[in-house]
PDB file of N, CA and C in Angstrom:
ATOM      1  N   LEU A   1     -14.840  12.632 -14.309  1.00  0.00           N
ATOM      2  CA  LEU A   1     -13.864  11.664 -14.054  1.00  0.00           C
ATOM      3  C   LEU A   1     -13.660  10.559 -12.679  1.00  0.00           C
ATOM      4  N   ARG A   2     -14.301  10.992 -11.792  1.00  0.00           N
ATOM      5  CA  ARG A   2     -13.929  10.311 -10.672  1.00  0.00           C
ATOM      6  C   ARG A   2     -14.757   8.825 -10.742  1.00  0.00           C
ATOM      7  N   LYS A   3     -16.206   8.927 -11.263  1.00  0.00           N
ATOM      8  CA  LYS A   3     -16.734   7.511 -11.709  1.00  0.00           C
ATOM      9  C   LYS A   3     -16.184   6.920 -12.673  1.00  0.00           C
ATOM     10  N   ARG A   4     -15.254   7.526 -13.578  1.00  0.00           N
ATOM     11  CA  ARG A   4     -14.515   6.457 -14.641  1.00  0.00           C
ATOM     12  C   ARG A   4     -15.486   6.191 -15.263  1.00  0.00           C
ATOM     13  N   ASP A   5     -16.476   6.822 -15.664  1.00  0.00           N
ATOM     14  CA  ASP A   5     -17.392   6.080 -16.514  1.00  0.00           C
ATOM     15  C   ASP A   5     -17.023   6.084 -18.004  1.00  0.00           C
ATOM     16  N   TRP A   6     -15.961   6.924 -18.259  1.00  0.00           N
ATOM     17  CA  TRP A   6     -15.173   7.086 -19.782  1.00  0.00           C
ATOM     18  C   TRP A   6     -14.577   5.755 -19.964  1.00  0.00           C
ATOM     19  N   TRP A   7     -14.148   4.947 -18.898  1.00  0.00           N
ATOM     20  CA  TRP A   7     -13.149   3.526 -19.019  1.00  0.00           C
ATOM     21  C   TRP A   7     -13.893   2.513 -19.637  1.00  0.00           C
ATOM     22  N   SER A   8     -13.488   1.710 -20.763  1.00  0.00           N
ATOM     23  CA  SER A   8     -14.335   0.569 -21.129  1.00  0.00           C
ATOM     24  C   SER A   8     -12.982  -0.641 -21.594  1.00  0.00           C
ATOM     25  N   GLY A   9     -12.016  -0.362 -20.992  1.00  0.00           N
ATOM     26  CA  GLY A   9     -11.118  -1.407 -21.293  1.00  0.00           C
ATOM     27  C   GLY A   9     -10.989  -2.510 -20.234  1.00  0.00           C
ATOM     28  N   PRO A  10     -10.107  -3.461 -19.912  1.00  0.00           N
ATOM     29  CA  PRO A  10      -9.968  -4.614 -19.135  1.00  0.00           C
ATOM     30  C   PRO A  10      -9.712  -3.806 -17.684  1.00  0.00           C
ATOM     31  N   GLU A  11      -9.850  -4.425 -16.818  1.00  0.00           N
ATOM     32  CA  GLU A  11      -9.506  -4.147 -15.254  1.00  0.00           C
ATOM     33  C   GLU A  11      -8.421  -5.217 -15.025  1.00  0.00           C
ATOM     34  N   MET A  12      -7.075  -4.734 -14.793  1.00  0.00           N
ATOM     35  CA  MET A  12      -6.043  -5.515 -14.335  1.00  0.00           C
ATOM     36  C   MET A  12      -5.709  -5.447 -12.650  1.00  0.00           C
ATOM     37  N   PHE A  13      -5.937  -6.282 -12.104  1.00  0.00           N
ATOM     38  CA  PHE A  13      -5.300  -6.380 -10.406  1.00  0.00           C
ATOM     39  C   PHE A  13      -4.062  -7.063 -10.193  1.00  0.00           C
ATOM     40  N   VAL A  14      -3.387  -6.629  -9.324  1.00  0.00           N
ATOM     41  CA  VAL A  14      -2.314  -7.353  -9.144  1.00  0.00           C
ATOM     42  C   VAL A  14      -2.187  -7.106  -7.423  1.00  0.00           C
ATOM     43  N   LEU A  15      -2.212  -8.467  -6.822  1.00  0.00           N
ATOM     44  CA  LEU A  15      -2.514  -8.447  -5.494  1.00  0.00           C
ATOM     45  C   LEU A  15      -0.839  -8.966  -5.183  1.00  0.00           C
ATOM     46  N   VAL A  16      -0.377  -8.403  -4.074  1.00  0.00           N
ATOM     47  CA  VAL A  16       1.028  -8.956  -3.629  1.00  0.00           C
ATOM     48  C   VAL A  16       1.282  -9.163  -2.302  1.00  0.00           C
ATOM     49  N   ASP A  17       1.271 -10.056  -1.571  1.00  0.00           N
ATOM     50  CA  ASP A  17       1.243 -10.294  -0.186  1.00  0.00           C
ATOM     51  C   ASP A  17       3.025 -10.447   0.162  1.00  0.00           C
ATOM     52  N   ASP A  18       2.780  -9.801   1.338  1.00  0.00           N
ATOM     53  CA  ASP A  18       4.582 -10.108   1.858  1.00  0.00           C
ATOM     54  C   ASP A  18       5.631  -9.689   0.637  1.00  0.00           C
ATOM     55  N   TYR A  19       5.353  -8.413   0.575  1.00  0.00           N
ATOM     56  CA  TYR A  19       6.421  -7.892  -0.080  1.00  0.00           C
ATOM     57  C   TYR A  19       7.610  -7.796  -0.197  1.00  0.00           C
ATOM     58  N   ASP A  20       7.720  -7.186   1.472  1.00  0.00           N
ATOM     59  CA  ASP A  20       9.311  -7.241   2.006  1.00  0.00           C
ATOM     60  C   ASP A  20      10.077  -8.511   1.728  1.00  0.00           C
ATOM     61  N   LEU A  21       9.348  -9.479   1.653  1.00  0.00           N
ATOM     62  CA  LEU A  21      10.156 -10.888   1.370  1.00  0.00           C
ATOM     63  C   LEU A  21      10.527 -11.497  -0.070  1.00  0.00           C
ATOM     64  N   LEU A  22      10.104 -10.514  -0.848  1.00  0.00           N
ATOM     65  CA  LEU A  22      10.510 -10.546  -2.093  1.00  0.00           C
ATOM     66  C   LEU A  22      11.559  -9.909  -3.028  1.00  0.00           C
ATOM     67  N   LEU A  23      11.965  -8.708  -2.028  1.00  0.00           N
ATOM     68  CA  LEU A  23      12.914  -8.132  -2.416  1.00  0.00           C
ATOM     69  C   LEU A  23      13.951  -8.462  -2.224  1.00  0.00           C
ATOM     70  N   GLY A  24      15.070  -8.437  -2.886  1.00  0.00           N
ATOM     71  CA  GLY A  24      16.655  -8.936  -2.612  1.00  0.00           C
ATOM     72  C   GLY A  24      17.375  -7.643  -3.029  1.00  0.00           C
ATOM     73  N   SER A  25      18.108  -7.837  -4.222  1.00  0.00           N
ATOM     74  CA  SER A  25      19.090  -6.560  -4.378  1.00  0.00           C
ATOM     75  C   SER A  25      18.434  -6.300  -5.861  1.00  0.00           C
ATOM     76  N   GLY A  26      18.342  -5.224  -6.136  1.00  0.00           N
ATOM     77  CA  GLY A  26      17.783  -4.592  -7.057  1.00  0.00           C
ATOM     78  C   GLY A  26      16.369  -3.939  -7.153  1.00  0.00           C
ATOM     79  N   VAL A  27      15.930  -4.373  -8.344  1.00  0.00           N
ATOM     80  CA  VAL A  27      14.522  -3.580  -7.976  1.00  0.00           C
ATOM     81  C   VAL A  27      13.527  -4.449  -8.020  1.00  0.00           C
ATOM     82  N   GLY A  28      13.526  -5.991  -7.679  1.00  0.00           N
ATOM     83  CA  GLY A  28      12.741  -6.642  -7.345  1.00  0.00           C
ATOM     84  C   GLY A  28      11.588  -7.178  -8.640  1.00  0.00           C
ATOM     85  N   PRO A  29      11.076  -8.178  -8.319  1.00  0.00           N
ATOM     86  CA  PRO A  29      10.228  -8.778  -9.586  1.00  0.00           C
ATOM     87  C   PRO A  29       9.163  -7.967 -10.022  1.00  0.00           C
ATOM     88  N   PHE A  30       8.718  -6.690  -9.341  1.00  0.00           N
ATOM     89  CA  PHE A  30       8.092  -5.801 -10.105  1.00  0.00           C
ATOM     90  C   PHE A  30       8.266  -4.266 -10.557  1.00  0.00           C
ATOM     91  N   GLY A  31       9.926  -4.470 -10.960  1.00  0.00           N
ATOM     92  CA  GLY A  31      10.637  -3.581 -11.237  1.00  0.00           C
ATOM     93  C   GLY A  31       9.674  -2.966 -12.554  1.00  0.00           C
ATOM     94  N   PRO A  32       9.594  -3.815 -13.601  1.00  0.00           N
ATOM     95  CA  PRO A  32       8.895  -3.970 -15.046  1.00  0.00           C
ATOM     96  C   PRO A  32       7.634  -2.571 -15.151  1.00  0.00           C
ATOM     97  N   MET A  33       7.109  -2.675 -13.787  1.00  0.00           N
ATOM     98  CA  MET A  33       5.718  -2.060 -13.490  1.00  0.00           C
ATOM     99  C   MET A  33       5.928  -0.521 -13.018  1.00  0.00           C
ATOM    100  N   ILE A  34       7.293  -0.346 -12.905  1.00  0.00           N
ATOM    101  CA  ILE A  34       7.276   1.187 -12.381  1.00  0.00           C
ATOM    102  C   ILE A  34       6.823   1.996 -13.065  1.00  0.00           C
ATOM    103  N   GLU A  35       7.004   1.992 -14.305  1.00  0.00           N
ATOM    104  CA  GLU A  35       6.616   3.060 -15.236  1.00  0.00           C
ATOM    105  C   GLU A  35       5.146   3.195 -15.584  1.00  0.00           C
ATOM    106  N   LEU A  36       4.530   2.029 -15.083  1.00  0.00           N
ATOM    107  CA  LEU A  36       3.114   2.118 -15.458  1.00  0.00           C
ATOM    108  C   LEU A  36       2.135   2.686 -14.149  1.00  0.00           C
ATOM    109  N   ILE A  37       2.628   2.461 -12.748  1.00  0.00           N
ATOM    110  CA  ILE A  37       2.147   2.868 -11.923  1.00  0.00           C
ATOM    111  C   ILE A  37       1.433   4.420 -12.055  1.00  0.00           C
ATOM    112  N   PRO A  38       2.268   5.374 -12.691  1.00  0.00           N
ATOM    113  CA  PRO A  38       1.422   6.712 -12.506  1.00  0.00           C
ATOM    114  C   PRO A  38       0.618   6.724 -13.189  1.00  0.00           C
ATOM    115  N   GLN A  39       0.319   6.100 -14.500  1.00  0.00           N
ATOM    116  CA  GLN A  39      -0.734   5.889 -15.584  1.00  0.00           C
ATOM    117  C   GLN A  39      -1.752   4.626 -14.610  1.00  0.00           C
ATOM    118  N   ALA A  40      -1.940   4.461 -13.881  1.00  0.00           N
ATOM    119  CA  ALA A  40      -2.483   3.249 -13.471  1.00  0.00           C
ATOM    120  C   ALA A  40      -4.287   3.155 -13.549  1.00  0.00           C
ATOM    121  N   GLY A  41      -4.492   4.428 -13.141  1.00  0.00           N
ATOM    122  CA  GLY A  41      -5.950   5.228 -13.596  1.00  0.00           C
ATOM    123  C   GLY A  41      -6.321   5.241 -14.741  1.00  0.00           C
ATOM    124  N   ASP A  42      -5.409   5.491 -15.592  1.00  0.00           N
ATOM    125  CA  ASP A  42      -5.628   5.756 -16.907  1.00  0.00           C
ATOM    126  C   ASP A  42      -5.860   4.326 -17.724  1.00  0.00           C
ATOM    127  N   ILE A  43      -5.079   3.283 -17.061  1.00  0.00           N
ATOM    128  CA  ILE A  43      -4.920   1.856 -17.865  1.00  0.00           C
ATOM    129  C   ILE A  43      -5.803   0.898 -17.355  1.00  0.00           C
ATOM    130  N   GLY A  44      -6.394   1.365 -16.323  1.00  0.00           N
ATOM    131  CA  GLY A  44      -7.031   0.138 -15.599  1.00  0.00           C
ATOM    132  C   GLY A  44      -6.428  -0.698 -14.578  1.00  0.00           C
ATOM    133  N   LEU A  45      -5.311  -0.077 -13.715  1.00  0.00           N
ATOM    134  CA  LEU A  45      -4.133  -0.974 -13.207  1.00  0.00           C
ATOM    135  C   LEU A  45      -4.492  -0.887 -11.832  1.00  0.00           C
ATOM    136  N   HIS A  46      -4.718  -1.985 -11.190  1.00  0.00           N
ATOM    137  CA  HIS A  46      -5.144  -1.636  -9.267  1.00  0.00           C
ATOM    138  C   HIS A  46      -3.741  -2.711  -8.838  1.00  0.00           C
ATOM    139  N   MET A  47      -3.036  -2.043  -8.018  1.00  0.00           N
ATOM    140  CA  MET A  47      -2.249  -2.809  -7.160  1.00  0.00           C
ATOM    141  C   MET A  47      -2.382  -2.422  -5.862  1.00  0.00           C
ATOM    142  N   VAL A  48      -2.489  -3.717  -5.298  1.00  0.00           N
ATOM    143  CA  VAL A  48      -2.422  -4.026  -3.800  1.00  0.00           C
ATOM    144  C   VAL A  48      -1.298  -4.981  -3.091  1.00  0.00           C
ATOM    145  N   MET A  49      -0.455  -3.907  -2.264  1.00  0.00           N
ATOM    146  CA  MET A  49       0.634  -4.769  -1.787  1.00  0.00           C
ATOM    147  C   MET A  49       0.572  -4.701  -0.451  1.00  0.00           C
ATOM    148  N   ALA A  50       0.847  -6.038   0.183  1.00  0.00           N
ATOM    149  CA  ALA A  50       0.723  -5.893   1.342  1.00  0.00           C
ATOM    150  C   ALA A  50       2.467  -6.240   1.946  1.00  0.00           C
ATOM    151  N   ARG A  51       2.884  -5.780   3.255  1.00  0.00           N
ATOM    152  CA  ARG A  51       3.668  -5.936   3.457  1.00  0.00           C
ATOM    153  C   ARG A  51       4.114  -5.772   4.996  1.00  0.00           C
ATOM    154  N   ALA A  52       4.887  -6.233   5.706  1.00  0.00           N
ATOM    155  CA  ALA A  52       4.933  -6.164   7.350  1.00  0.00           C
ATOM    156  C   ALA A  52       5.493  -4.637   7.790  1.00  0.00           C
ATOM    157  N   ALA A  53       4.554  -4.144   8.528  1.00  0.00           N
ATOM    158  CA  ALA A  53       4.895  -3.253   9.036  1.00  0.00           C
ATOM    159  C   ALA A  53       6.490  -2.641   9.839  1.00  0.00           C
ATOM    160  N   VAL A  54       6.650  -3.917  10.343  1.00  0.00           N
ATOM    161  CA  VAL A  54       8.390  -3.629  11.203  1.00  0.00           C
ATOM    162  C   VAL A  54       9.102  -3.716   9.868  1.00  0.00           C
ATOM    163  N   GLY A  55       9.899  -2.853   9.889  1.00  0.00           N
ATOM    164  CA  GLY A  55      10.935  -2.645   9.013  1.00  0.00           C
ATOM    165  C   GLY A  55      10.469  -1.778   8.020  1.00  0.00           C
ATOM    166  N   SER A  56       9.324  -1.315   7.647  1.00  0.00           N
ATOM    167  CA  SER A  56       8.887  -0.829   6.512  1.00  0.00           C
ATOM    168  C   SER A  56       9.835   0.331   6.076  1.00  0.00           C
ATOM    169  N   SER A  57      10.823   0.819   7.051  1.00  0.00           N
ATOM    170  CA  SER A  57      11.831   1.887   6.527  1.00  0.00           C
ATOM    171  C   SER A  57      13.020   1.444   5.388  1.00  0.00           C
ATOM    172  N   ARG A  58      13.217   0.054   5.670  1.00  0.00           N
ATOM    173  CA  ARG A  58      13.719  -0.416   5.130  1.00  0.00           C
ATOM    174  C   ARG A  58      13.437  -0.399   3.627  1.00  0.00           C
ATOM    175  N   THR A  59      11.777  -0.869   3.516  1.00  0.00           N
ATOM    176  CA  THR A  59      11.367  -0.495   1.938  1.00  0.00           C
ATOM    177  C   THR A  59      10.927   0.476   1.506  1.00  0.00           C
ATOM    178  N   ALA A  60      10.877   1.755   1.975  1.00  0.00           N
ATOM    179  CA  ALA A  60      10.806   2.738   2.173  1.00  0.00           C
ATOM    180  C   ALA A  60      11.317   3.561   0.989  1.00  0.00           C
ATOM    181  N   MET A  61      12.558   3.314   0.387  1.00  0.00           N
ATOM    182  CA  MET A  61      13.244   3.790  -0.893  1.00  0.00           C
ATOM    183  C   MET A  61      13.211   2.696  -1.884  1.00  0.00           C
ATOM    184  N   GLU A  62      12.619   1.675  -1.710  1.00  0.00           N
ATOM    185  CA  GLU A  62      12.488   0.551  -2.942  1.00  0.00           C
ATOM    186  C   GLU A  62      11.833   1.744  -3.866  1.00  0.00           C
ATOM    187  N   PRO A  63      12.132   1.269  -5.055  1.00  0.00           N
ATOM    188  CA  PRO A  63      11.589   1.852  -6.457  1.00  0.00           C
ATOM    189  C   PRO A  63       9.878   1.653  -6.718  1.00  0.00           C
ATOM    190  N   VAL A  64       9.226   0.812  -6.300  1.00  0.00           N
ATOM    191  CA  VAL A  64       7.912   0.425  -6.473  1.00  0.00           C
ATOM    192  C   VAL A  64       7.086   0.928  -5.391  1.00  0.00           C
ATOM    193  N   THR A  65       7.780   0.739  -4.361  1.00  0.00           N
ATOM    194  CA  THR A  65       7.106   1.455  -2.729  1.00  0.00           C
ATOM    195  C   THR A  65       6.976   2.978  -3.281  1.00  0.00           C
ATOM    196  N   ARG A  66       8.090   3.401  -3.457  1.00  0.00           N
ATOM    197  CA  ARG A  66       8.675   4.825  -3.683  1.00  0.00           C
ATOM    198  C   ARG A  66       7.477   5.406  -4.948  1.00  0.00           C
ATOM    199  N   ARG A  67       7.554   4.640  -5.906  1.00  0.00           N
ATOM    200  CA  ARG A  67       6.630   5.497  -6.730  1.00  0.00           C
ATOM    201  C   ARG A  67       4.937   5.241  -6.750  1.00  0.00           C
ATOM    202  N   LEU A  68       4.880   4.298  -5.823  1.00  0.00           N
ATOM    203  CA  LEU A  68       3.120   4.246  -5.132  1.00  0.00           C
ATOM    204  C   LEU A  68       2.955   5.589  -4.425  1.00  0.00           C
ATOM    205  N   GLN A  69       3.829   5.663  -3.391  1.00  0.00           N
ATOM    206  CA  GLN A  69       4.021   6.935  -2.425  1.00  0.00           C
ATOM    207  C   GLN A  69       3.874   8.412  -3.257  1.00  0.00           C
ATOM    208  N   GLU A  70       4.774   8.041  -4.291  1.00  0.00           N
ATOM    209  CA  GLU A  70       5.048   9.317  -5.528  1.00  0.00           C
ATOM    210  C   GLU A  70       3.416   9.674  -6.067  1.00  0.00           C
ATOM    211  N   SER A  71       2.550   8.535  -6.342  1.00  0.00           N
ATOM    212  CA  SER A  71       1.422   8.868  -7.093  1.00  0.00           C
ATOM    213  C   SER A  71       0.055   8.598  -6.072  1.00  0.00           C
ATOM    214  N   ASN A  72       0.506   9.080  -4.887  1.00  0.00           N
ATOM    215  CA  ASN A  72      -0.557   9.445  -3.964  1.00  0.00           C
ATOM    216  C   ASN A  72      -1.469   7.950  -3.659  1.00  0.00           C
ATOM    217  N   THR A  73      -1.179   7.111  -3.595  1.00  0.00           N
ATOM    218  CA  THR A  73      -1.343   5.741  -3.569  1.00  0.00           C
ATOM    219  C   THR A  73      -2.036   5.966  -1.977  1.00  0.00           C
ATOM    220  N   PRO A  74      -3.277   5.691  -1.541  1.00  0.00           N
ATOM    221  CA  PRO A  74      -3.390   5.633   0.217  1.00  0.00           C
ATOM    222  C   PRO A  74      -2.957   4.260   0.604  1.00  0.00           C
ATOM    223  N   GLU A  75      -3.019   4.361   1.764  1.00  0.00           N
ATOM    224  CA  GLU A  75      -2.369   3.606   2.355  1.00  0.00           C
ATOM    225  C   GLU A  75      -3.221   2.849   3.741  1.00  0.00           C
ATOM    226  N   LEU A  76      -3.131   1.762   3.870  1.00  0.00           N
ATOM    227  CA  LEU A  76      -4.053   1.286   4.734  1.00  0.00           C
ATOM    228  C   LEU A  76      -3.292   0.411   6.098  1.00  0.00           C
ATOM    229  N   VAL A  77      -3.429   0.976   7.440  1.00  0.00           N
ATOM    230  CA  VAL A  77      -2.441   0.846   8.028  1.00  0.00           C
ATOM    231  C   VAL A  77      -2.782   0.236   9.480  1.00  0.00           C
ATOM    232  N   LEU A  78      -2.500  -1.181   9.382  1.00  0.00           N
ATOM    233  CA  LEU A  78      -3.082  -1.780  10.801  1.00  0.00           C
ATOM    234  C   LEU A  78      -1.993  -1.413  11.743  1.00  0.00           C
ATOM    235  N   SER A  79      -2.131  -2.242  12.895  1.00  0.00           N
ATOM    236  CA  SER A  79      -0.952  -2.154  13.620  1.00  0.00           C
ATOM    237  C   SER A  79       0.504  -1.967  13.290  1.00  0.00           C
ATOM    238  N   MET A  80       1.039  -1.083  13.939  1.00  0.00           N
ATOM    239  CA  MET A  80       2.015  -0.766  13.849  1.00  0.00           C
ATOM    240  C   MET A  80       3.039   0.018  14.570  1.00  0.00           C
ATOM    241  N   PRO A  81       4.486  -0.339  14.861  1.00  0.00           N
ATOM    242  CA  PRO A  81       4.986   0.263  16.040  1.00  0.00           C
ATOM    243  C   PRO A  81       5.116   1.705  15.499  1.00  0.00           C
ATOM    244  N   PRO A  82       5.008   2.896  16.608  1.00  0.00           N
ATOM    245  CA  PRO A  82       5.368   4.047  16.423  1.00  0.00           C
ATOM    246  C   PRO A  82       6.651   4.360  16.101  1.00  0.00           C
ATOM    247  N   ASN A  83       7.899   3.846  16.141  1.00  0.00           N
ATOM    248  CA  ASN A  83       9.278   4.044  15.762  1.00  0.00           C
ATOM    249  C   ASN A  83       9.181   3.893  14.386  1.00  0.00           C
ATOM    250  N   GLU A  84       8.599   3.253  13.556  1.00  0.00           N
ATOM    251  CA  GLU A  84       8.556   2.883  12.453  1.00  0.00           C
ATOM    252  C   GLU A  84       8.631   4.248  11.581  1.00  0.00           C
ATOM    253  N   MET A  85       9.003   3.981   9.835  1.00  0.00           N
ATOM    254  CA  MET A  85       9.127   5.481   9.397  1.00  0.00           C
ATOM    255  C   MET A  85       7.605   6.287   9.789  1.00  0.00           C
ATOM    256  N   PRO A  86       7.321   7.735   9.285  1.00  0.00           N
ATOM    257  CA  PRO A  86       6.131   8.299   9.451  1.00  0.00           C
ATOM    258  C   PRO A  86       5.332   7.632   8.293  1.00  0.00           C
ATOM    259  N   LEU A  87       3.761   7.861   8.284  1.00  0.00           N
ATOM    260  CA  LEU A  87       3.040   7.708   7.127  1.00  0.00           C
ATOM    261  C   LEU A  87       2.848   8.680   5.948  1.00  0.00           C
ATOM    262  N   LEU A  88       2.063   8.099   5.136  1.00  0.00           N
ATOM    263  CA  LEU A  88       2.066   9.192   4.036  1.00  0.00           C
ATOM    264  C   LEU A  88       1.810  10.634   4.378  1.00  0.00           C
ATOM    265  N   ASN A  89       0.961  10.651   5.239  1.00  0.00           N
ATOM    266  CA  ASN A  89       0.190  12.197   5.748  1.00  0.00           C
ATOM    267  C   ASN A  89       1.278  12.696   6.926  1.00  0.00           C
ATOM    268  N   GLY A  90       2.469  11.875   6.953  1.00  0.00           N
ATOM    269  CA  GLY A  90       3.353  12.406   8.116  1.00  0.00           C
ATOM    270  C   GLY A  90       2.856  12.018   9.657  1.00  0.00           C
ATOM    271  N   SER A  91       1.876  11.428   9.893  1.00  0.00           N
ATOM    272  CA  SER A  91       1.508  10.557  11.084  1.00  0.00           C
ATOM    273  C   SER A  91       2.286   9.530  11.538  1.00  0.00           C
ATOM    274  N   ARG A  92       2.408   9.400  12.655  1.00  0.00           N
ATOM    275  CA  ARG A  92       3.107   8.047  12.883  1.00  0.00           C
ATOM    276  C   ARG A  92       2.195   6.947  13.265  1.00  0.00           C
ATOM    277  N   GLY A  93       2.546   5.387  13.030  1.00  0.00           N
ATOM    278  CA  GLY A  93       1.876   4.337  13.448  1.00  0.00           C
ATOM    279  C   GLY A  93       1.460   4.443  14.817  1.00  0.00           C
ATOM    280  N   ARG A  94       0.590   2.957  14.983  1.00  0.00           N
ATOM    281  CA  ARG A  94       0.417   3.023  16.542  1.00  0.00           C
ATOM    282  C   ARG A  94      -0.143   1.347  16.680  1.00  0.00           C
ATOM    283  N   GLN A  95      -0.034   0.908  17.729  1.00  0.00           N
ATOM    284  CA  GLN A  95      -0.468  -0.134  18.046  1.00  0.00           C
ATOM    285  C   GLN A  95      -2.291  -0.236  18.037  1.00  0.00           C
ATOM    286  N   LEU A  96      -2.892  -1.097  17.549  1.00  0.00           N
ATOM    287  CA  LEU A  96      -4.556  -0.973  17.283  1.00  0.00           C
ATOM    288  C   LEU A  96      -4.749  -2.675  17.838  1.00  0.00           C
ATOM    289  N   PRO A  97      -5.695  -2.665  17.861  1.00  0.00           N
ATOM    290  CA  PRO A  97      -6.324  -3.920  18.297  1.00  0.00           C
ATOM    291  C   PRO A  97      -6.729  -4.790  16.764  1.00  0.00           C
ATOM    292  N   PRO A  98      -6.883  -6.121  16.994  1.00  0.00           N
ATOM    293  CA  PRO A  98      -6.720  -6.895  15.595  1.00  0.00           C
ATOM    294  C   PRO A  98      -8.332  -6.755  14.605  1.00  0.00           C
ATOM    295  N   GLY A  99      -7.821  -6.200  13.388  1.00  0.00           N
ATOM    296  CA  GLY A  99      -9.124  -5.833  12.535  1.00  0.00           C
ATOM    297  C   GLY A  99      -8.985  -4.088  12.290  1.00  0.00           C
ATOM    298  N   ARG A 100      -8.587  -3.550  13.372  1.00  0.00           N
ATOM    299  CA  ARG A 100      -8.558  -1.849  13.236  1.00  0.00           C
ATOM    300  C   ARG A 100      -7.543  -1.669  12.619  1.00  0.00           C
ATOM    301  N   GLY A 101      -7.679  -0.148  11.882  1.00  0.00           N
ATOM    302  CA  GLY A 101      -6.576   0.073  10.925  1.00  0.00           C
ATOM    303  C   GLY A 101      -6.981   1.554  11.084  1.00  0.00           C
ATOM    304  N   VAL A 102      -6.311   2.190   9.914  1.00  0.00           N
ATOM    305  CA  VAL A 102      -6.148   3.755   9.376  1.00  0.00           C
ATOM    306  C   VAL A 102      -6.069   3.678   8.242  1.00  0.00           C
ATOM    307  N   LEU A 103      -7.018   4.113   7.431  1.00  0.00           N
ATOM    308  CA  LEU A 103      -7.148   4.653   5.699  1.00  0.00           C
ATOM    309  C   LEU A 103      -6.088   6.072   5.969  1.00  0.00           C
ATOM    310  N   VAL A 104      -5.008   5.663   5.169  1.00  0.00           N
ATOM    311  CA  VAL A 104      -4.024   7.103   5.254  1.00  0.00           C
ATOM    312  C   VAL A 104      -4.031   7.469   3.855  1.00  0.00           C
ATOM    313  N   THR A 105      -4.418   9.059   3.466  1.00  0.00           N
ATOM    314  CA  THR A 105      -4.103   9.487   2.449  1.00  0.00           C
ATOM    315  C   THR A 105      -2.961  10.783   2.726  1.00  0.00           C
ATOM    316  N   ARG A 106      -2.939  11.796   1.717  1.00  0.00           N
ATOM    317  CA  ARG A 106      -1.739  12.484   2.106  1.00  0.00           C
ATOM    318  C   ARG A 106      -2.461  13.764   2.817  1.00  0.00           C
ATOM    319  N   ARG A 107      -3.916  14.217   2.896  1.00  0.00           N
ATOM    320  CA  ARG A 107      -4.608  14.675   3.740  1.00  0.00           C
ATOM    321  C   ARG A 107      -5.004  14.594   5.110  1.00  0.00           C
ATOM    322  N   ASP A 108      -5.280  13.226   5.168  1.00  0.00           N
ATOM    323  CA  ASP A 108      -5.716  12.967   6.842  1.00  0.00           C
ATOM    324  C   ASP A 108      -5.732  11.181   6.515  1.00  0.00           C
ATOM    325  N   GLY A 109      -6.176  10.808   7.477  1.00  0.00           N
ATOM    326  CA  GLY A 109      -6.354   9.321   7.976  1.00  0.00           C
ATOM    327  C   GLY A 109      -7.912   9.244   8.673  1.00  0.00           C
ATOM    328  N   ILE A 110      -8.214   7.911   8.242  1.00  0.00           N
ATOM    329  CA  ILE A 110      -9.692   7.763   8.898  1.00  0.00           C
ATOM    330  C   ILE A 110      -9.760   6.269   9.310  1.00  0.00           C
ATOM    331  N   GLY A 111     -10.165   6.156  10.333  1.00  0.00           N
ATOM    332  CA  GLY A 111     -10.088   4.941  11.494  1.00  0.00           C
ATOM    333  C   GLY A 111     -11.433   3.885  10.844  1.00  0.00           C
ATOM    334  N   VAL A 112     -10.615   2.772   9.954  1.00  0.00           N
ATOM    335  CA  VAL A 112     -11.258   1.906   9.554  1.00  0.00           C
ATOM    336  C   VAL A 112     -11.884   0.391  10.930  1.00  0.00           C
ATOM    337  N   GLN A 113     -12.594  -0.456  10.163  1.00  0.00           N
ATOM    338  CA  GLN A 113     -12.828  -2.051  10.789  1.00  0.00           C
ATOM    339  C   GLN A 113     -12.851  -2.908   9.924  1.00  0.00           C
ATOM    340  N   VAL A 114     -12.093  -3.617   9.523  1.00  0.00           N
ATOM    341  CA  VAL A 114     -11.698  -4.416   8.669  1.00  0.00           C
ATOM    342  C   VAL A 114     -11.992  -6.122   9.061  1.00  0.00           C
ATOM    343  N   GLY A 115     -12.650  -6.660   8.153  1.00  0.00           N
ATOM    344  CA  GLY A 115     -13.257  -7.695   8.805  1.00  0.00           C
ATOM    345  C   GLY A 115     -11.870  -8.944   9.614  1.00  0.00           C
ATOM    346  N   TRP A 116     -12.314  -9.617  10.378  1.00  0.00           N
ATOM    347  CA  TRP A 116     -11.823 -10.273  11.280  1.00  0.00           C
ATOM    348  C   TRP A 116     -12.163 -11.247  11.575  1.00  0.00           C
ATOM    349  N   THR A 117     -11.791 -12.607  11.802  1.00  0.00           N
ATOM    350  CA  THR A 117     -11.892 -13.953  12.312  1.00  0.00           C
ATOM    351  C   THR A 117     -11.106 -14.435  12.821  1.00  0.00           C
ATOM    352  N   GLU A 118     -10.900 -15.219  14.423  1.00  0.00           N
ATOM    353  CA  GLU A 118     -10.278 -15.754  15.117  1.00  0.00           C
ATOM    354  C   GLU A 118      -9.820 -16.850  13.955  1.00  0.00           C
ATOM    355  N   GLU A 119      -8.729 -16.976  14.700  1.00  0.00           N
ATOM    356  CA  GLU A 119      -7.918 -18.259  13.844  1.00  0.00           C
ATOM    357  C   GLU A 119      -8.623 -19.476  14.622  1.00  0.00           C
ATOM    358  N   PRO A 120      -8.393 -20.661  14.033  1.00  0.00           N
ATOM    359  CA  PRO A 120      -9.135 -21.848  14.572  1.00  0.00           C
ATOM    360  C   PRO A 120      -7.964 -22.403  15.601  1.00  0.00           C
ATOM    361  N   GLU A 121      -8.717 -23.065  16.553  1.00  0.00           N
ATOM    362  CA  GLU A 121      -7.391 -23.372  17.460  1.00  0.00           C
ATOM    363  C   GLU A 121      -7.200 -25.205  17.085  1.00  0.00           C
TER     364      GLU A 121
END
């Protein structure tokens, strides 16, 4: 099952940047996808959501974010103030150098280095 060699349908990718800025009142633009998230692995759906770490407690109870957490979706956490909400595994964020992060699952977290280039002057 882990290889997903049984899957023959299309793979659909939804990439969302600055999700916290898209939220207003209500469910937000991805509300219709809430019911699809638990079956994402079975229907070829991949959702990547980026949002600011500051104020993450504000979006924690938002329905799409909540459903992703309930579905045990891993989180990639880059630098994050420790006073923000706990991560998926209960640990707290911390200040990290640019490009460093922690891939967090319900069981543990593993340090990662992501690609980083300096901004042009």
